[in-house]
C-alpha cells in the first residue's frame, strides 16, 4: 500500500505541476496598455507582441499621439479642434478639414439616411438642453416652445461632407456637429490599424466600452462583454467571442436622470427632440469597423425594438437588443448574437459602478476555464487513489499507514477504535501507538 508520505508527495507533485502549468499559461497573458482619452479611458491588449526592445515604449507613445490627433480633429471640448472651429464659424461655405474628419462625417450622414434621421450628429443643441452635454447639468425638462426653437438649428439635411478635397459645409449658420456617438469607434479603428502597421497581429482595443479585435490569443478568440443592464457594471449578460470584428453597446442605464417616475435617457431622438421612451435598455452591434458599430448602436437604440430588428436584418448586422419590461428584461438578436435572444435577466440586480471594464470581466473568465480540466483530473485521481487504498484494506487485510501510524486498524481492550486520534497532534498519536505496542 502507498504510505501517507508518498501519497502527500504524489499529490504535492500533481498540484505543483498543475500550478506550474497554470502559471505558464498566465504568463502568456497579453501585454496591456492603458490611458485616458476623449473624456474616458482606453485599454489596449497585444498578444505575442513584436520582440523589438523599444516596441512597447514606442507603441505607447504612438497610441497617445494617434488619440490626441482624433481629439484635435473631432473634439467638441477643445476649442482649437477642427470640429469646434467649424461649429463656431458662421460661414455657409465649404470649410477645410482633415480627411479623417470629413470621412467620419460622411459615414454619419450615410447612417442618418439609412435610419430616416434617427441618427443625427447635429443633435448637440438638444443634448445640451436636456443636460447631457458639456455644460452644467440642470436636470430640468425643457418646454415645448424651447424644443421647437432648438429644432430650427438641428438637422443632418443641413450638413454636407466632401472627401476630395476634404471639407464640411452647413446651410444654417448656427448648425453644430457632435461626433461623440461615432468618434470613439473611429478612434478604436485607428489604433487597431496603427498596431497592425507596427507588427502586432493579435490585438484588442477598447475606448469607452467600444471594442475592436484583430487576430486571436494563441488560437483562442477574444471575448467581449455585454453588461447586464441596471446591474451597476457588476454583472455580464454575455461574454461573446469575436475575431477580426468590432462591438459597441449603447444603453440608457449609463447616463440618465429622473424627474418623479420618469426616466430621461441621454439618447435623444432627433425626430422628436426628446429622450427616447421606447423601453430599450441596451443595444449591442457587431460590424467590421468600430466606427460603424458605434454609430449603429446609437441609431438602433433610438428607433426601438421592432425597427431595430428590421434595420439589423436589412443591413446584415449582428445585433442584441435588450428591452426593459415591468417584469424584467427580454432580449432579441440577429446574426451571431441571435443565440442570446430571450435570455432571462433578473430585474432586481443593483449596485455601485465597478472599476473593471466589461471587456476585462469577459477576459477574466479564461483563467478559471484553463484550470477546470486540471481540477477535474485532480479530483478523479484523488478518488482513484482512495479507492485503491480501500481495496488494499479489504482484500489485503493491511492497515493504511497514515498520520495515525496504523491506529485506525487497532482497538483497545474495550473494542474502541483509535482512528479518531487522527485529528490530534502527531505527538499524541505516537504516544498512544507506543502504549498499544507495549500491550
Protein backbone atom coordinates (compact mmCIF):
# COMPACT_ATOMS: atom_id res chain seq x y z
CA UNK A 1 0.00 0.00 0.00
CA UNK A 2 1.02 3.65 -0.57
CA UNK A 3 2.20 5.32 2.64
CA UNK A 4 0.88 8.68 3.80
CA UNK A 5 4.11 10.43 2.95
CA UNK A 6 4.15 9.01 -0.57
CA UNK A 7 0.52 9.98 -1.08
CA UNK A 8 1.34 13.51 0.03
CA UNK A 9 4.32 13.53 -2.30
CA UNK A 10 2.18 12.30 -5.16
CA UNK A 11 -0.48 14.95 -4.71
CA UNK A 12 2.12 17.61 -3.97
CA UNK A 13 3.80 16.81 -7.29
CA UNK A 14 0.46 16.81 -9.07
CA UNK A 15 -0.62 20.17 -7.70
CA UNK A 16 2.85 21.62 -8.33
CA UNK A 17 2.63 20.54 -11.95
CA UNK A 18 -0.86 21.99 -12.23
CA UNK A 19 0.32 25.23 -10.66
CA UNK A 20 3.31 25.47 -12.97
CA UNK A 21 1.09 24.81 -15.99
CA UNK A 22 -1.37 27.50 -14.89
CA UNK A 23 1.44 29.92 -14.15
CA UNK A 24 2.91 29.32 -17.59
CA UNK A 25 -0.49 29.94 -19.19
CA UNK A 26 -0.95 33.05 -17.07
CA UNK A 27 2.50 34.29 -18.07
CA UNK A 28 1.31 34.17 -21.67
CA UNK A 29 -1.33 36.79 -20.94
CA UNK A 30 -1.26 39.71 -23.39
CA UNK A 31 0.63 42.95 -22.94
CA UNK A 32 -1.86 45.50 -21.58
CA UNK A 33 -1.62 49.27 -22.08
CA UNK A 34 -4.00 51.83 -20.55
CA UNK A 35 -4.59 55.55 -20.73
CA UNK A 36 -7.14 58.37 -20.88
CA UNK A 37 -8.72 59.90 -23.96
CA UNK A 38 -11.93 61.59 -25.20
CA UNK A 39 -13.17 62.10 -21.66
CA UNK A 40 -12.94 58.37 -20.95
CA UNK A 41 -10.30 55.63 -20.82
CA UNK A 42 -8.74 53.24 -23.27
CA UNK A 43 -7.29 49.76 -22.94
CA UNK A 44 -5.08 48.00 -25.48
CA UNK A 45 -4.09 44.34 -25.27
CA UNK A 46 -1.49 42.81 -27.55
CA UNK A 47 -0.93 39.07 -27.60
CA UNK A 48 2.53 37.90 -28.67
CA UNK A 49 3.78 41.44 -29.38
CA UNK A 50 6.87 42.05 -31.55
CA UNK A 51 10.10 41.37 -29.66
CA UNK A 52 11.92 44.59 -30.57
CA UNK A 53 13.50 46.15 -27.48
CA UNK A 54 11.74 49.51 -27.72
CA UNK A 55 8.49 48.28 -29.23
CA UNK A 56 6.34 48.75 -26.11
CA UNK A 57 7.50 52.26 -25.26
CA UNK A 58 7.32 53.37 -28.87
CA UNK A 59 3.84 51.90 -29.23
CA UNK A 60 2.57 53.66 -26.09
CA UNK A 61 3.81 56.97 -27.48
CA UNK A 62 2.28 56.25 -30.90
CA UNK A 63 -1.11 55.39 -29.36
CA UNK A 64 -1.14 58.62 -27.38
CA UNK A 65 -0.24 60.63 -30.49
CA UNK A 66 -2.97 58.98 -32.52
CA UNK A 67 -5.66 59.55 -29.91
CA UNK A 68 -4.55 63.17 -29.46
CA UNK A 69 -4.92 63.56 -33.20
CA UNK A 70 -8.52 62.30 -33.03
CA UNK A 71 -9.23 64.86 -30.30
CA UNK A 72 -7.53 67.65 -32.27
CA UNK A 73 -9.76 66.85 -35.20
CA UNK A 74 -13.15 65.94 -33.72
CA UNK A 75 -13.43 67.03 -30.09
CA UNK A 76 -16.22 69.42 -29.13
CA UNK A 77 -14.44 70.16 -25.84
CA UNK A 78 -11.26 71.51 -27.42
CA UNK A 79 -11.93 74.97 -28.84
CA UNK A 80 -8.95 74.55 -31.17
CA UNK A 81 -10.20 71.33 -32.78
CA UNK A 82 -11.29 71.26 -36.43
CA UNK A 83 -14.85 70.42 -35.45
CA UNK A 84 -15.07 73.20 -32.84
CA UNK A 85 -13.79 75.73 -35.35
CA UNK A 86 -16.35 74.56 -37.89
CA UNK A 87 -19.11 74.77 -35.27
CA UNK A 88 -18.04 78.30 -34.25
CA UNK A 89 -17.96 79.51 -37.83
CA UNK A 90 -20.96 81.38 -39.22
CA UNK A 91 -19.89 80.65 -42.76
CA UNK A 92 -22.10 78.54 -45.00
CA UNK A 93 -19.24 77.92 -47.46
CA UNK A 94 -17.02 74.86 -47.63
CA UNK A 95 -14.81 74.64 -44.54
CA UNK A 96 -11.49 72.79 -44.91
CA UNK A 97 -10.93 69.87 -42.51
CA UNK A 98 -8.76 66.75 -42.42
CA UNK A 99 -9.63 63.68 -44.46
CA UNK A 100 -10.37 61.83 -41.21
CA UNK A 101 -12.95 64.37 -40.05
CA UNK A 102 -14.61 64.54 -43.45
CA UNK A 103 -14.71 60.73 -43.63
CA UNK A 104 -16.34 60.34 -40.22
CA UNK A 105 -18.96 62.98 -41.00
CA UNK A 106 -19.66 61.28 -44.35
CA UNK A 107 -20.21 57.96 -42.56
CA UNK A 108 -22.51 59.70 -40.07
CA UNK A 109 -24.59 61.22 -42.86
CA UNK A 110 -24.92 57.81 -44.51
CA UNK A 111 -26.24 56.37 -41.23
CA UNK A 112 -28.68 59.25 -40.98
CA UNK A 113 -30.08 58.41 -44.41
CA UNK A 114 -30.36 54.69 -43.65
CA UNK A 115 -32.18 55.32 -40.34
CA UNK A 116 -34.51 58.07 -41.51
CA UNK A 117 -32.86 60.64 -39.26
CA UNK A 118 -32.80 58.53 -36.09
CA UNK A 119 -29.03 59.04 -36.14
CA UNK A 120 -28.09 62.71 -36.41
CA UNK A 121 -24.75 64.29 -35.44
CA UNK A 122 -26.28 67.77 -35.43
CA UNK A 123 -28.41 66.98 -32.37
CA UNK A 124 -25.93 68.71 -30.00
CA UNK A 125 -28.13 71.70 -29.02
CA UNK A 126 -30.87 69.31 -27.92
CA UNK A 127 -28.40 67.16 -25.98
CA UNK A 128 -27.13 70.25 -24.16
CA UNK A 129 -30.62 71.48 -23.31
CA UNK A 130 -31.51 68.10 -21.86
CA UNK A 131 -28.46 68.38 -19.54
CA UNK A 132 -26.38 65.68 -21.23
CA UNK A 133 -23.84 67.99 -22.88
CA UNK A 134 -20.67 69.69 -21.72
CA UNK A 135 -22.47 72.39 -19.72
CA UNK A 136 -23.99 72.39 -16.26
CA UNK A 137 -26.42 69.56 -15.58
CA UNK A 138 -29.71 71.16 -14.50
CA UNK A 139 -31.89 68.05 -14.94
CA UNK A 140 -34.93 70.16 -15.77
CA UNK A 141 -37.34 69.38 -18.59
CA UNK A 142 -37.46 71.96 -21.43
CA UNK A 143 -40.77 73.37 -22.61
CA UNK A 144 -42.34 72.62 -25.99
CA UNK A 145 -41.56 76.15 -27.15
CA UNK A 146 -37.88 75.72 -26.26
CA UNK A 147 -37.67 72.45 -28.16
CA UNK A 148 -39.37 73.87 -31.24
CA UNK A 149 -36.91 76.75 -31.28
CA UNK A 150 -33.91 74.43 -30.93
CA UNK A 151 -35.13 72.18 -33.73
CA UNK A 152 -34.64 75.08 -36.14
CA UNK A 153 -30.85 74.70 -35.77
CA UNK A 154 -30.83 70.89 -35.94
CA UNK A 155 -30.97 68.52 -38.91
CA UNK A 156 -28.48 66.36 -40.83
CA UNK A 157 -30.07 67.59 -44.06
CA UNK A 158 -28.34 70.94 -43.44
CA UNK A 159 -24.85 69.34 -43.36
CA UNK A 160 -22.60 68.16 -46.19
CA UNK A 161 -19.25 66.40 -46.33
CA UNK A 162 -16.76 66.41 -49.21
CA UNK A 163 -13.86 63.96 -49.35
CA UNK A 164 -11.75 65.48 -52.15
CA UNK A 165 -10.61 67.96 -51.09
CA UNK A 166 -11.87 67.21 -47.56
CA UNK A 167 -14.28 69.83 -46.26
CA UNK A 168 -17.59 70.34 -44.45
CA UNK A 169 -20.45 72.66 -45.27
CA UNK A 170 -23.61 73.80 -43.47
CA UNK A 171 -26.52 75.81 -44.79
CA UNK A 172 -27.56 77.05 -41.33
CA UNK A 173 -25.01 79.33 -39.68
CA UNK A 174 -25.83 78.04 -36.20
CA UNK A 175 -25.58 74.35 -37.09
CA UNK A 176 -23.27 72.36 -34.79
CA UNK A 177 -21.82 68.90 -35.23
CA UNK A 178 -21.14 66.49 -32.36
CA UNK A 179 -19.37 63.25 -33.31
CA UNK A 180 -19.30 61.73 -29.81
CA UNK A 181 -21.64 58.94 -30.93
CA UNK A 182 -19.22 57.75 -33.61
CA UNK A 183 -15.76 59.27 -32.97
CA UNK A 184 -14.78 56.83 -30.20
CA UNK A 185 -15.34 53.93 -32.56
CA UNK A 186 -13.30 55.74 -35.20
CA UNK A 187 -10.51 56.15 -32.65
CA UNK A 188 -10.57 52.42 -31.91
CA UNK A 189 -10.24 51.64 -35.61
CA UNK A 190 -7.24 53.94 -35.93
CA UNK A 191 -5.45 52.29 -33.01
CA UNK A 192 -6.05 48.82 -34.43
CA UNK A 193 -4.60 49.88 -37.77
CA UNK A 194 -1.66 51.58 -36.04
CA UNK A 195 -0.86 48.38 -34.13
CA UNK A 196 -1.08 46.30 -37.29
CA UNK A 197 1.37 48.64 -39.05
CA UNK A 198 3.67 48.21 -36.05
CA UNK A 199 3.76 44.44 -36.48
CA UNK A 200 1.12 43.40 -33.92
CA UNK A 201 -1.24 40.82 -35.38
CA UNK A 202 -3.33 39.88 -32.31
CA UNK A 203 -4.84 42.92 -30.63
CA UNK A 204 -7.80 44.01 -28.51
CA UNK A 205 -8.59 47.74 -28.40
CA UNK A 206 -11.28 49.35 -26.24
CA UNK A 207 -12.16 53.03 -25.85
CA UNK A 208 -15.01 53.89 -23.50
CA UNK A 209 -16.56 50.44 -23.89
CA UNK A 210 -16.34 50.28 -27.71
CA UNK A 211 -14.17 47.36 -28.84
CA UNK A 212 -12.44 46.02 -31.92
CA UNK A 213 -10.20 42.97 -32.12
CA UNK A 214 -7.80 41.51 -34.65
CA UNK A 215 -6.37 38.02 -34.65
CA UNK A 216 -6.68 35.93 -31.51
CA UNK A 217 -4.91 34.77 -28.34
CA UNK A 218 -2.82 31.71 -29.15
CA UNK A 219 -5.73 30.19 -31.02
CA UNK A 220 -8.48 31.36 -28.64
CA UNK A 221 -10.90 34.06 -29.71
CA UNK A 222 -11.01 37.35 -27.86
CA UNK A 223 -14.06 37.83 -25.65
CA UNK A 224 -16.13 41.00 -25.41
CA UNK A 225 -18.58 41.51 -22.58
CA UNK A 226 -22.09 42.92 -22.81
CA UNK A 227 -23.11 44.35 -19.47
CA UNK A 228 -26.34 43.35 -17.81
CA UNK A 229 -28.48 46.50 -17.76
CA UNK A 230 -29.15 48.12 -14.38
CA UNK A 231 -26.50 45.93 -12.71
CA UNK A 232 -24.20 48.84 -11.97
CA UNK A 233 -21.40 47.36 -14.07
CA UNK A 234 -21.13 44.35 -11.76
CA UNK A 235 -22.51 41.55 -13.95
CA UNK A 236 -22.25 40.39 -17.54
CA UNK A 237 -25.20 39.39 -19.64
CA UNK A 238 -22.98 37.96 -22.37
CA UNK A 239 -19.28 37.23 -22.89
CA UNK A 240 -19.11 36.82 -26.65
CA UNK A 241 -16.18 35.54 -28.70
CA UNK A 242 -15.25 37.60 -31.75
CA UNK A 243 -12.44 37.61 -34.30
CA UNK A 244 -11.44 40.43 -36.63
CA UNK A 245 -14.56 42.42 -35.81
CA UNK A 246 -15.86 45.23 -33.61
CA UNK A 247 -18.61 45.51 -30.99
CA UNK A 248 -20.27 48.57 -29.50
CA UNK A 249 -23.11 48.91 -27.00
CA UNK A 250 -25.47 51.81 -26.40
CA UNK A 251 -27.84 51.87 -23.44
CA UNK A 252 -29.93 54.08 -21.18
CA UNK A 253 -28.55 52.57 -17.96
CA UNK A 254 -25.26 54.51 -18.01
CA UNK A 255 -26.36 58.12 -18.31
CA UNK A 256 -29.81 59.34 -17.36
CA UNK A 257 -31.72 61.41 -14.85
CA UNK A 258 -35.14 61.01 -13.30
CA UNK A 259 -37.89 63.50 -12.52
CA UNK A 260 -40.61 61.87 -10.50
CA UNK A 261 -41.27 58.47 -12.02
CA UNK A 262 -39.96 59.46 -15.45
CA UNK A 263 -36.50 58.35 -16.61
CA UNK A 264 -34.81 60.63 -19.17
CA UNK A 265 -32.10 58.87 -21.17
CA UNK A 266 -29.07 60.61 -22.64
CA UNK A 267 -30.08 59.19 -26.02
CA UNK A 268 -32.08 61.90 -27.79
CA UNK A 269 -34.41 61.10 -30.67
CA UNK A 270 -33.67 63.85 -33.23
CA UNK A 271 -37.09 63.35 -34.78
CA UNK A 272 -38.97 64.22 -31.58
CA UNK A 273 -36.29 66.36 -29.88
CA UNK A 274 -36.85 64.29 -26.72
CA UNK A 275 -35.08 61.45 -24.92
CA UNK A 276 -36.12 58.04 -26.20
CA UNK A 277 -39.00 56.31 -24.39
CA UNK A 278 -39.07 53.03 -26.30
CA UNK A 279 -38.06 50.87 -23.34
CA UNK A 280 -34.74 49.68 -24.79
CA UNK A 281 -32.18 49.12 -22.06
CA UNK A 282 -29.27 48.41 -24.39
CA UNK A 283 -28.34 47.62 -27.98
CA UNK A 284 -25.11 45.85 -28.95
CA UNK A 285 -23.87 45.69 -32.54
CA UNK A 286 -21.08 43.71 -34.23
CA UNK A 287 -19.65 45.04 -37.51
CA UNK A 288 -16.30 45.07 -39.28
CA UNK A 289 -15.35 48.54 -38.03
CA UNK A 290 -15.88 50.04 -34.61
CA UNK A 291 -16.95 53.38 -36.09
CA UNK A 292 -19.98 51.75 -37.70
CA UNK A 293 -20.70 49.56 -34.65
CA UNK A 294 -20.63 52.71 -32.50
CA UNK A 295 -22.96 54.63 -34.80
CA UNK A 296 -25.38 51.76 -35.40
CA UNK A 297 -25.68 51.01 -31.67
CA UNK A 298 -26.77 54.61 -31.06
CA UNK A 299 -29.17 54.64 -34.01
CA UNK A 300 -30.86 51.35 -33.11
CA UNK A 301 -31.22 52.47 -29.51
CA UNK A 302 -33.29 55.39 -30.81
CA UNK A 303 -35.69 53.52 -33.09
CA UNK A 304 -36.93 50.83 -30.67
CA UNK A 305 -37.00 47.05 -30.71
CA UNK A 306 -39.15 46.32 -33.76
CA UNK A 307 -37.50 48.86 -36.05
CA UNK A 308 -34.04 47.93 -34.72
CA UNK A 309 -34.54 44.30 -35.71
CA UNK A 310 -35.78 45.31 -39.18
CA UNK A 311 -32.79 47.58 -39.78
CA UNK A 312 -30.39 44.93 -38.45
CA UNK A 313 -31.65 42.33 -40.90
CA UNK A 314 -31.82 44.82 -43.77
CA UNK A 315 -28.20 45.87 -43.21
CA UNK A 316 -26.91 42.39 -42.26
CA UNK A 317 -25.90 43.40 -38.74
CA UNK A 318 -25.35 41.14 -35.75
CA UNK A 319 -27.41 42.77 -33.02
CA UNK A 320 -28.55 42.04 -29.46
CA UNK A 321 -31.43 44.23 -28.26
CA UNK A 322 -32.37 44.15 -24.57
CA UNK A 323 -35.76 45.62 -23.71
CA UNK A 324 -36.85 46.69 -20.23
CA UNK A 325 -40.22 45.37 -19.07
CA UNK A 326 -42.03 45.67 -15.74
CA UNK A 327 -41.21 42.02 -15.08
CA UNK A 328 -37.54 42.28 -16.03
CA UNK A 329 -35.75 42.18 -19.39
CA UNK A 330 -36.28 40.39 -22.67
CA UNK A 331 -33.72 40.19 -25.46
CA UNK A 332 -33.84 39.61 -29.20
CA UNK A 333 -31.00 39.19 -31.64
CA UNK A 334 -29.79 38.72 -35.19
CA UNK A 335 -26.71 37.19 -36.79
CA UNK A 336 -24.11 35.77 -34.44
CA UNK A 337 -25.79 37.42 -31.43
CA UNK A 338 -29.11 35.65 -32.08
CA UNK A 339 -28.04 32.78 -29.80
CA UNK A 340 -28.51 35.07 -26.77
CA UNK A 341 -32.09 36.04 -27.65
CA UNK A 342 -34.73 35.76 -24.92
CA UNK A 343 -32.10 35.48 -22.17
CA UNK A 344 -33.71 35.55 -18.74
CA UNK A 345 -32.20 38.53 -16.97
CA UNK A 346 -33.22 39.42 -13.42
CA UNK A 347 -34.74 42.85 -12.90
CA UNK A 348 -33.68 43.06 -9.28
CA UNK A 349 -29.92 43.49 -9.63
CA UNK A 350 -28.48 46.80 -8.42
CA UNK A 351 -25.21 48.18 -7.14
CA UNK A 352 -22.41 50.70 -7.47
CA UNK A 353 -20.29 51.10 -10.60
CA UNK A 354 -17.40 48.65 -10.80
CA UNK A 355 -13.93 49.76 -11.80
CA UNK A 356 -13.33 46.72 -14.02
CA UNK A 357 -14.50 47.14 -17.60
CA UNK A 358 -16.87 44.73 -19.26
CA UNK A 359 -14.11 43.59 -21.56
CA UNK A 360 -11.81 42.78 -18.68
CA UNK A 361 -14.56 40.78 -16.96
CA UNK A 362 -15.02 38.68 -20.05
CA UNK A 363 -11.28 38.05 -20.25
CA UNK A 364 -11.06 37.25 -16.51
CA UNK A 365 -13.06 34.07 -17.03
CA UNK A 366 -10.33 32.50 -19.14
CA UNK A 367 -8.03 31.59 -16.23
CA UNK A 368 -10.81 29.69 -14.46
CA UNK A 369 -11.62 27.93 -17.70
CA UNK A 370 -7.97 26.89 -18.12
CA UNK A 371 -7.86 25.48 -14.60
CA UNK A 372 -11.10 23.50 -14.89
CA UNK A 373 -9.52 20.42 -16.61
CA UNK A 374 -6.72 20.36 -14.01
CA UNK A 375 -9.16 20.44 -11.11
CA UNK A 376 -11.29 17.72 -12.71
CA UNK A 377 -8.29 15.45 -13.30
CA UNK A 378 -7.07 16.05 -9.75
CA UNK A 379 -10.45 15.05 -8.33
CA UNK A 380 -10.58 11.88 -10.44
CA UNK A 381 -7.02 10.90 -9.49
CA UNK A 382 -7.66 11.53 -5.80
CA UNK A 383 -10.77 9.35 -5.95
CA UNK A 384 -8.85 6.56 -7.70
CA UNK A 385 -6.12 6.58 -5.04
CA UNK A 386 -8.66 6.42 -2.21
CA UNK A 387 -10.40 3.52 -3.95
CA UNK A 388 -7.11 1.64 -4.32
CA UNK A 389 -6.30 2.15 -0.64
CA UNK A 390 -9.74 0.87 0.38
CA UNK A 391 -9.33 -2.23 -1.80
CA UNK A 392 -5.99 -2.93 -0.13
CA UNK A 393 -7.54 -2.77 3.31
CA UNK A 394 -10.45 -5.04 2.42
CA UNK A 395 -8.63 -7.72 0.46
CA UNK A 396 -5.07 -7.41 1.74
CA UNK A 397 -6.06 -7.03 5.40
CA UNK A 398 -3.36 -4.44 5.83
CA UNK A 399 -3.55 -1.25 7.80
CA UNK A 400 -3.45 2.03 5.97
CA UNK A 401 -0.30 3.76 7.10
CA UNK A 402 -1.05 7.36 7.73
CA UNK A 403 -0.85 10.08 10.33
CA UNK A 404 -2.33 7.66 12.89
CA UNK A 405 0.53 5.24 12.40
CA UNK A 406 -1.92 2.38 11.73
CA UNK A 407 -4.14 3.03 14.76
CA UNK A 408 -7.28 3.01 12.62
CA UNK A 409 -6.93 -0.81 12.36
CA UNK A 410 -6.32 -1.36 16.11
CA UNK A 411 -8.75 -1.39 19.02
CA UNK A 412 -8.21 -1.28 22.76
CA UNK A 413 -9.46 -3.80 25.32
CA UNK A 414 -12.93 -2.28 25.11
CA UNK A 415 -13.04 -2.69 21.32
CA UNK A 416 -12.82 1.05 20.69
CA UNK A 417 -11.03 2.19 17.54
CA UNK A 418 -8.38 4.86 17.91
CA UNK A 419 -8.67 6.31 14.40
CA UNK A 420 -10.29 9.42 15.86
CA UNK A 421 -6.88 10.40 17.13
CA UNK A 422 -6.02 11.41 13.56
CA UNK A 423 -7.35 14.85 14.31
CA UNK A 424 -4.97 15.35 17.25
CA UNK A 425 -1.30 16.36 17.14
CA UNK A 426 1.09 13.71 15.92
CA UNK A 427 2.78 13.50 19.35
CA UNK A 428 -0.47 12.22 20.84
CA UNK A 429 -0.75 9.63 18.10
CA UNK A 430 2.79 8.47 18.70
CA UNK A 431 2.22 8.20 22.48
CA UNK A 432 -0.94 6.16 22.06
CA UNK A 433 0.68 3.89 19.49
CA UNK A 434 3.60 3.19 21.85
CA UNK A 435 1.23 2.29 24.67
CA UNK A 436 -0.69 -0.13 22.43
CA UNK A 437 2.55 -1.76 21.25
CA UNK A 438 3.53 -2.34 24.89
CA UNK A 439 0.27 -4.22 25.46
